[in-house]
Amino acid sequence: MTKPRVTLPGPIALVKESWVIYKKSFWNIIGVGLLAILTVLGYIVLGGLGGGLMAVIFANHFNIFSYLFIGIVGVLYLLGFFAVIAWAQAAFVVVIRDSGKKTGSRLAFKNARQYAIPLVMTSLLSMVLVFGGVLLFIIPGILLGIWFSYSIYAIVCEDKKGLLALHSSREYFRGKFWKIIGREIAVRLPEIILSMFITSLVTQHVLPGSVQGLYQLLSLLAAPFYIIYSYLLYTKVREATGSVATVPGGNKKVYLGIPAVGYVLVVIAAIYTGPMIMKLASQTPEILPAMMGKSLTNDQVLPSTAIVYGLVSYYLTNKHYPSSLESIVDKSFLPKVPNDPKTGLPYRYTVLEAGQDFKLCTPQGEKPEKCVTSKSSQFDL
């Protein structure tokens, strides 16, 4: 049997329907927003009071156990903060989902509490998978991020969580990727262009700064409209897709395998390049920070130090030190090899350890003789 062709409402139809829900739910959305702000602020105040209390308790008793206790409490507090933010996000979806019912903002906010922990856990899983995809040359991470973007609706509206919520979101995009992306861009791109245009006019002093402030306020009031639009698009896509009950084994391999390859590549790269980096760092411990952004023609840099900078720059490029100082001459970095300012004579240069080290000494006959190598702590002669 041939699968019916997927048809979704166009952007204009979605905007009209979103506007109807926005007007009907405006005050409930404002109420949920205020409750969310108060809850977050209350949690922050609670954290400040708890931190102050621990500072008093452990004022003169800091040891390994107190640090461990504070660390555990800090992690738990951070997870709790994520849960509060997730609670607020879920509350906005609940108030939109129940827009046809007589559900006030307080009840919507209360009903959203059950989704806070599943949303946090699913979001953390999504972050791990997406970041692993980013490590695998970026594009897979972007795709995973888009595929998983409807997971919040799968949690709040379908009571799913974890990998099943992520997989459901992915299935909604299957065969409809560009249809969904096109409808999202159609409504968001004009707002982005208008924002850039107003910012540009304010920056060029064509418009007063108050205009941008007013626009930001209107953008804040319009933010729920975009959430409604995205939610409506999700409902239409879900109707066209049907129910997603399980995560097939093949899909699990894709979701977990792609990020795993990214993390493995990072480990392999670290193993391969780590020794090389450590070797360079051990050979030039004091040179690299000084070289950053510094011209070697600066009077504050002594000639011998300038030569060493040039030698190290050459080494980092060629993996060995040059056979003569003339090889380090560079128009922008070291225009010429400087001589000893006291005698006007050239420094003596010798390559050591088959090009892996060098010795730079004061001119012939100068007493006392001084020399430096790449392992020296300072390079002034």
Protein backbone atom coordinates (compact mmCIF):
# COMPACT_ATOMS: atom_id res chain seq x y z
CA MET A 1 0.00 0.00 0.00
CA THR A 2 1.38 3.40 -1.00
CA LYS A 3 1.94 5.81 1.88
CA PRO A 4 -0.22 8.93 1.46
CA ARG A 5 1.57 12.11 0.48
CA VAL A 6 2.31 14.34 3.47
CA THR A 7 0.54 17.70 3.35
CA LEU A 8 1.15 20.41 5.89
CA PRO A 9 -0.56 23.82 6.24
CA GLY A 10 1.37 26.70 4.71
CA PRO A 11 3.04 29.41 6.80
CA ILE A 12 0.14 31.86 6.35
CA ALA A 13 -2.44 29.36 7.63
CA LEU A 14 -0.19 28.51 10.60
CA VAL A 15 0.31 32.21 11.39
CA LYS A 16 -3.45 32.82 11.38
CA GLU A 17 -4.14 29.87 13.67
CA SER A 18 -1.24 30.87 15.94
CA TRP A 19 -2.63 34.39 16.23
CA VAL A 20 -6.03 33.05 17.34
CA ILE A 21 -4.40 30.98 20.10
CA TYR A 22 -2.11 33.87 21.06
CA LYS A 23 -5.05 36.23 21.61
CA LYS A 24 -7.03 33.59 23.50
CA SER A 25 -4.12 32.61 25.77
CA PHE A 26 -2.30 35.95 26.09
CA TRP A 27 -3.00 36.61 29.78
CA ASN A 28 -2.39 32.99 30.75
CA ILE A 29 0.95 33.15 28.94
CA ILE A 30 1.83 36.38 30.77
CA GLY A 31 0.80 34.75 34.06
CA VAL A 32 2.96 31.70 33.40
CA GLY A 33 5.86 33.99 32.49
CA LEU A 34 5.55 35.90 35.77
CA LEU A 35 5.29 32.68 37.78
CA ALA A 36 8.37 31.35 36.01
CA ILE A 37 10.35 34.53 36.78
CA LEU A 38 9.31 34.48 40.44
CA THR A 39 10.20 30.79 40.76
CA VAL A 40 13.64 31.27 39.21
CA LEU A 41 14.34 34.34 41.36
CA GLY A 42 13.18 32.47 44.47
CA TYR A 43 15.49 29.58 43.66
CA ILE A 44 18.42 31.96 43.15
CA VAL A 45 17.70 33.67 46.50
CA LEU A 46 17.47 30.25 48.16
CA GLY A 47 20.83 29.33 46.67
CA GLY A 48 22.37 32.57 47.95
CA LEU A 49 21.04 31.94 51.46
CA GLY A 50 22.30 28.35 51.37
CA GLY A 51 25.71 29.49 50.17
CA GLY A 52 25.91 32.07 52.93
CA LEU A 53 24.93 29.48 55.53
CA MET A 54 27.63 27.07 54.37
CA ALA A 55 30.19 29.89 54.42
CA VAL A 56 29.33 30.51 58.08
CA ILE A 57 29.36 26.81 59.01
CA PHE A 58 32.68 26.07 57.31
CA ALA A 59 34.30 29.46 57.99
CA ASN A 60 37.16 27.99 60.00
CA HIS A 61 36.81 24.32 59.14
CA PHE A 62 37.78 23.99 55.49
CA ASN A 63 39.19 20.54 54.66
CA ILE A 64 38.84 17.88 52.00
CA PHE A 65 35.44 16.76 53.35
CA SER A 66 34.00 20.28 53.44
CA TYR A 67 35.17 20.91 49.88
CA LEU A 68 33.62 17.58 48.80
CA PHE A 69 30.34 18.43 50.55
CA ILE A 70 30.20 21.90 48.99
CA GLY A 71 30.96 20.40 45.58
CA ILE A 72 28.14 17.85 45.85
CA VAL A 73 25.68 20.48 47.05
CA GLY A 74 26.77 22.79 44.21
CA VAL A 75 26.15 20.08 41.57
CA LEU A 76 22.74 19.28 43.07
CA TYR A 77 21.86 22.97 43.14
CA LEU A 78 22.87 23.35 39.51
CA LEU A 79 20.73 20.36 38.51
CA GLY A 80 17.87 21.87 40.49
CA PHE A 81 18.31 25.15 38.62
CA PHE A 82 18.10 23.29 35.32
CA ALA A 83 14.93 21.61 36.58
CA VAL A 84 13.37 24.99 37.43
CA ILE A 85 14.19 26.32 33.96
CA ALA A 86 12.77 23.13 32.40
CA TRP A 87 9.64 23.55 34.53
CA ALA A 88 9.17 27.04 33.15
CA GLN A 89 9.69 25.82 29.56
CA ALA A 90 7.19 23.01 30.03
CA ALA A 91 4.67 25.46 31.55
CA PHE A 92 4.62 27.53 28.35
CA VAL A 93 3.91 24.40 26.30
CA VAL A 94 1.19 23.27 28.74
CA VAL A 95 -0.63 26.59 28.63
CA ILE A 96 -0.56 26.48 24.81
CA ARG A 97 -1.56 22.81 24.72
CA ASP A 98 -4.54 23.50 27.00
CA SER A 99 -5.56 26.75 25.30
CA GLY A 100 -8.95 25.25 24.43
CA LYS A 101 -9.65 24.41 28.06
CA LYS A 102 -10.41 26.68 30.98
CA THR A 103 -6.97 26.25 32.48
CA GLY A 104 -5.52 29.28 34.27
CA SER A 105 -1.86 30.15 34.46
CA ARG A 106 -1.47 28.82 38.03
CA LEU A 107 -2.95 25.42 37.15
CA ALA A 108 -0.91 25.22 33.95
CA PHE A 109 2.26 26.01 35.88
CA LYS A 110 1.36 23.38 38.49
CA ASN A 111 0.61 20.74 35.86
CA ALA A 112 3.94 21.38 34.15
CA ARG A 113 5.95 20.42 37.22
CA GLN A 114 5.75 16.69 36.40
CA TYR A 115 7.66 17.27 33.15
CA ALA A 116 10.61 19.12 34.69
CA ILE A 117 12.81 16.11 35.56
CA PRO A 118 12.11 14.16 32.32
CA LEU A 119 12.87 17.33 30.34
CA VAL A 120 16.17 17.88 32.17
CA MET A 121 17.29 14.28 31.71
CA THR A 122 16.27 14.22 28.05
CA SER A 123 17.96 17.58 27.43
CA LEU A 124 21.20 16.35 29.01
CA LEU A 125 21.09 13.23 26.82
CA SER A 126 20.43 15.39 23.77
CA MET A 127 23.36 17.69 24.64
CA VAL A 128 25.75 14.73 24.95
CA LEU A 129 24.62 13.27 21.61
CA VAL A 130 24.62 16.61 19.78
CA PHE A 131 28.04 17.58 21.11
CA GLY A 132 29.42 14.20 20.02
CA GLY A 133 27.97 14.87 16.57
CA VAL A 134 29.63 18.30 16.50
CA LEU A 135 32.97 16.66 17.25
CA LEU A 136 32.39 14.50 14.15
CA PHE A 137 33.01 17.44 11.77
CA ILE A 138 30.11 19.65 12.97
CA ILE A 139 27.41 18.74 10.38
CA PRO A 140 26.16 15.58 12.18
CA GLY A 141 25.77 17.64 15.37
CA ILE A 142 23.68 20.25 13.56
CA LEU A 143 21.46 17.52 12.10
CA LEU A 144 20.99 15.84 15.48
CA GLY A 145 20.13 19.21 17.06
CA ILE A 146 17.43 19.85 14.46
CA TRP A 147 16.08 16.30 14.63
CA PHE A 148 15.73 16.49 18.42
CA SER A 149 14.12 19.96 18.51
CA TYR A 150 10.58 18.60 18.95
CA SER A 151 11.52 16.43 21.94
CA ILE A 152 10.05 18.95 24.42
CA TYR A 153 6.65 18.52 22.75
CA ALA A 154 7.02 14.72 22.81
CA ILE A 155 7.64 14.95 26.57
CA VAL A 156 4.81 17.35 27.43
CA CYS A 157 2.19 16.24 24.90
CA GLU A 158 2.96 12.53 24.56
CA ASP A 159 4.37 11.76 28.02
CA LYS A 160 7.60 10.34 26.54
CA LYS A 161 11.13 10.80 27.79
CA GLY A 162 14.74 9.97 27.11
CA LEU A 163 15.75 8.35 23.85
CA LEU A 164 12.10 7.64 22.92
CA ALA A 165 11.31 11.38 23.03
CA LEU A 166 14.37 12.13 20.91
CA HIS A 167 13.52 9.36 18.46
CA SER A 168 9.90 10.56 18.15
CA SER A 169 11.17 14.04 17.33
CA ARG A 170 13.49 12.55 14.71
CA GLU A 171 10.65 10.57 13.12
CA TYR A 172 8.54 13.71 12.77
CA PHE A 173 11.29 15.17 10.59
CA ARG A 174 11.66 12.03 8.46
CA GLY A 175 10.54 12.81 4.91
CA LYS A 176 9.42 16.31 5.97
CA PHE A 177 12.75 17.94 6.87
CA TRP A 178 12.70 20.78 4.35
CA LYS A 179 8.94 21.30 4.72
CA ILE A 180 9.39 21.91 8.46
CA ILE A 181 12.55 23.98 8.11
CA GLY A 182 10.98 26.09 5.35
CA ARG A 183 7.93 26.89 7.50
CA GLU A 184 10.10 27.77 10.50
CA ILE A 185 12.31 30.06 8.38
CA ALA A 186 9.29 31.70 6.73
CA VAL A 187 8.06 33.09 10.04
CA ARG A 188 11.37 33.79 11.78
CA LEU A 189 13.49 35.23 8.97
CA PRO A 190 11.45 38.48 8.60
CA GLU A 191 11.81 39.13 12.35
CA ILE A 192 15.57 38.54 12.19
CA ILE A 193 15.97 40.87 9.20
CA LEU A 194 13.87 43.57 10.86
CA SER A 195 15.91 43.27 14.07
CA MET A 196 19.20 43.65 12.16
CA PHE A 197 17.79 46.61 10.22
CA ILE A 198 16.66 48.48 13.35
CA THR A 199 19.95 47.73 15.14
CA SER A 200 21.89 49.06 12.15
CA LEU A 201 19.84 52.30 12.06
CA VAL A 202 20.28 52.83 15.80
CA THR A 203 24.04 52.16 15.54
CA GLN A 204 24.30 54.75 12.76
CA HIS A 205 22.25 57.20 14.88
CA VAL A 206 19.51 57.35 12.24
CA LEU A 207 17.02 56.24 14.91
CA PRO A 208 17.15 56.98 18.66
CA GLY A 209 18.07 54.18 21.05
CA SER A 210 14.56 54.26 22.51
CA VAL A 211 13.25 52.77 19.25
CA GLN A 212 15.42 49.70 19.72
CA GLY A 213 14.28 49.43 23.34
CA LEU A 214 10.64 49.55 22.23
CA TYR A 215 11.33 46.94 19.56
CA GLN A 216 12.97 44.63 22.12
CA LEU A 217 9.89 44.96 24.34
CA LEU A 218 7.62 44.07 21.43
CA SER A 219 9.90 41.14 20.57
CA LEU A 220 9.57 39.89 24.14
CA LEU A 221 5.78 40.03 23.88
CA ALA A 222 5.94 38.29 20.49
CA ALA A 223 8.18 35.44 21.73
CA PRO A 224 5.19 33.29 22.87
CA PHE A 225 3.72 33.66 19.37
CA TYR A 226 6.73 31.86 17.87
CA ILE A 227 6.39 29.10 20.49
CA ILE A 228 2.71 28.71 19.52
CA TYR A 229 3.65 28.61 15.84
CA SER A 230 6.28 25.92 16.44
CA TYR A 231 3.84 23.93 18.62
CA LEU A 232 1.12 24.06 15.94
CA LEU A 233 3.59 22.94 13.28
CA TYR A 234 4.54 20.04 15.57
CA THR A 235 0.89 18.98 15.97
CA LYS A 236 0.36 19.01 12.19
CA VAL A 237 3.55 17.02 11.61
CA ARG A 238 2.55 14.54 14.31
CA GLU A 239 -0.86 14.03 12.69
CA ALA A 240 0.83 13.36 9.35
CA THR A 241 3.40 10.98 10.87
CA GLY A 242 1.31 8.89 13.22
CA SER A 243 2.26 7.25 16.51
CA VAL A 244 5.87 6.45 17.41
CA ALA A 245 5.90 3.81 20.14
CA THR A 246 9.42 2.36 20.26
CA VAL A 247 13.00 3.06 19.25
CA PRO A 248 14.18 0.45 16.70
CA GLY A 249 17.61 -1.04 17.28
CA GLY A 250 18.96 0.44 14.06
CA ASN A 251 17.99 3.95 15.14
CA LYS A 252 19.65 3.46 18.52
CA LYS A 253 22.89 2.62 16.71
CA VAL A 254 22.62 5.84 14.69
CA TYR A 255 21.79 8.09 17.68
CA LEU A 256 24.49 6.60 19.89
CA GLY A 257 26.99 5.59 17.21
CA ILE A 258 27.47 8.96 15.48
CA PRO A 259 28.33 10.84 18.71
CA ALA A 260 30.45 7.91 19.91
CA VAL A 261 32.60 8.15 16.77
CA GLY A 262 33.03 11.88 17.44
CA TYR A 263 34.23 11.29 21.00
CA VAL A 264 36.54 8.46 19.87
CA LEU A 265 38.11 10.70 17.22
CA VAL A 266 38.83 13.34 19.86
CA VAL A 267 40.52 10.74 22.08
CA ILE A 268 42.59 9.43 19.15
CA ALA A 269 43.57 12.98 18.17
CA ALA A 270 44.58 13.72 21.76
CA ILE A 271 46.68 10.54 21.93
CA TYR A 272 48.34 11.31 18.61
CA THR A 273 49.03 15.03 19.10
CA GLY A 274 49.48 15.06 22.88
CA PRO A 275 53.12 13.94 22.92
CA MET A 276 54.02 16.41 20.15
CA ILE A 277 52.40 19.30 22.03
CA MET A 278 54.06 18.30 25.29
CA LYS A 279 57.42 18.10 23.53
CA LEU A 280 57.07 21.57 22.05
CA ALA A 281 55.87 22.96 25.37
CA SER A 282 58.76 21.40 27.26
CA GLN A 283 61.29 22.75 24.77
CA THR A 284 59.96 26.29 24.71
CA PRO A 285 58.33 26.92 28.11
CA GLU A 286 59.10 30.60 28.36
CA ILE A 287 59.19 31.59 24.69
CA LEU A 288 55.69 31.05 23.32
CA PRO A 289 53.78 33.46 25.64
CA ALA A 290 56.31 36.20 24.92
CA MET A 291 56.08 35.69 21.15
CA MET A 292 52.31 36.24 20.97
CA GLY A 293 51.60 39.52 19.24
CA LYS A 294 55.06 41.01 19.83
CA SER A 295 57.19 42.63 17.13
CA LEU A 296 60.85 41.70 17.31
CA THR A 297 61.89 45.19 16.19
CA ASN A 298 60.54 46.58 19.47
CA ASP A 299 63.25 48.30 21.48
CA GLN A 300 62.07 46.46 24.62
CA VAL A 301 63.17 43.14 23.10
CA LEU A 302 66.93 42.56 23.32
CA PRO A 303 68.64 41.32 20.12
CA SER A 304 69.53 37.89 21.48
CA THR A 305 65.95 37.35 22.66
CA ALA A 306 64.65 38.45 19.25
CA ILE A 307 66.88 35.84 17.60
CA VAL A 308 65.57 33.12 19.93
CA TYR A 309 61.97 34.10 19.09
CA GLY A 310 62.82 33.77 15.41
CA LEU A 311 64.44 30.38 15.98
CA VAL A 312 61.41 29.06 17.84
CA SER A 313 59.06 30.34 15.14
CA TYR A 314 61.16 28.51 12.56
CA TYR A 315 61.13 25.35 14.69
CA LEU A 316 57.33 25.33 15.08
CA THR A 317 56.98 25.48 11.29
CA ASN A 318 59.77 23.13 10.21
CA LYS A 319 60.11 20.82 13.25
CA HIS A 320 63.86 21.53 13.45
CA TYR A 321 66.12 24.51 14.03
CA PRO A 322 67.82 26.15 11.00
CA SER A 323 71.41 25.53 9.98
CA SER A 324 72.12 29.30 10.00
CA LEU A 325 70.57 32.43 11.45
CA GLU A 326 69.89 33.85 7.98
CA SER A 327 67.06 31.31 7.61
CA ILE A 328 64.96 33.03 10.30
CA VAL A 329 64.85 36.42 8.57
CA ASP A 330 61.23 37.44 7.90
CA LYS A 331 59.98 40.84 6.70
CA SER A 332 57.16 41.09 9.24
CA PHE A 333 58.67 39.08 12.09
CA LEU A 334 62.46 39.57 12.05
CA PRO A 335 63.61 41.91 9.21
CA LYS A 336 67.29 41.13 9.81
CA VAL A 337 69.55 39.22 12.18
CA PRO A 338 70.64 41.72 14.86
CA ASN A 339 74.20 41.92 16.12
CA ASP A 340 75.42 42.26 19.68
CA PRO A 341 74.70 45.90 20.70
CA LYS A 342 77.87 46.13 22.81
CA THR A 343 80.43 45.08 20.21
CA GLY A 344 78.47 45.31 16.95
CA LEU A 345 79.65 41.79 16.13
CA PRO A 346 77.39 38.83 15.18
CA TYR A 347 76.31 36.24 17.73
CA ARG A 348 77.70 32.73 17.44
CA TYR A 349 75.07 30.09 16.57
CA THR A 350 75.38 26.29 16.69
CA VAL A 351 72.79 23.58 15.91
CA LEU A 352 72.57 20.79 18.51
CA GLU A 353 70.92 17.36 18.74
CA ALA A 354 70.33 16.95 14.98
CA GLY A 355 68.31 20.15 14.74
CA GLN A 356 66.27 19.65 17.94
CA ASP A 357 68.15 22.26 19.96
CA PHE A 358 70.53 25.17 19.47
CA LYS A 359 73.19 27.20 21.27
CA LEU A 360 73.41 30.98 20.88
CA CYS A 361 76.52 32.63 22.33
CA THR A 362 78.05 36.08 22.68
CA PRO A 363 80.46 37.19 19.89
CA GLN A 364 83.91 35.66 19.62
CA GLY A 365 86.32 37.11 22.15
CA GLU A 366 83.73 38.73 24.42
CA LYS A 367 84.33 38.02 28.08
CA PRO A 368 82.73 36.49 30.00
CA GLU A 369 81.25 34.13 27.45
CA LYS A 370 77.49 33.62 27.74
CA CYS A 371 75.29 31.10 25.91
CA VAL A 372 71.61 30.14 25.85
CA THR A 373 69.65 27.17 24.46
CA SER A 374 65.98 26.44 23.93
CA LYS A 375 65.86 25.09 27.49
CA SER A 376 67.16 28.30 29.08
CA SER A 377 64.83 30.27 31.33
CA GLN A 378 65.86 33.61 29.82
CA PHE A 379 67.57 34.61 26.58
CA ASP A 380 69.26 37.95 27.17
CA LEU A 381 73.02 37.95 26.40
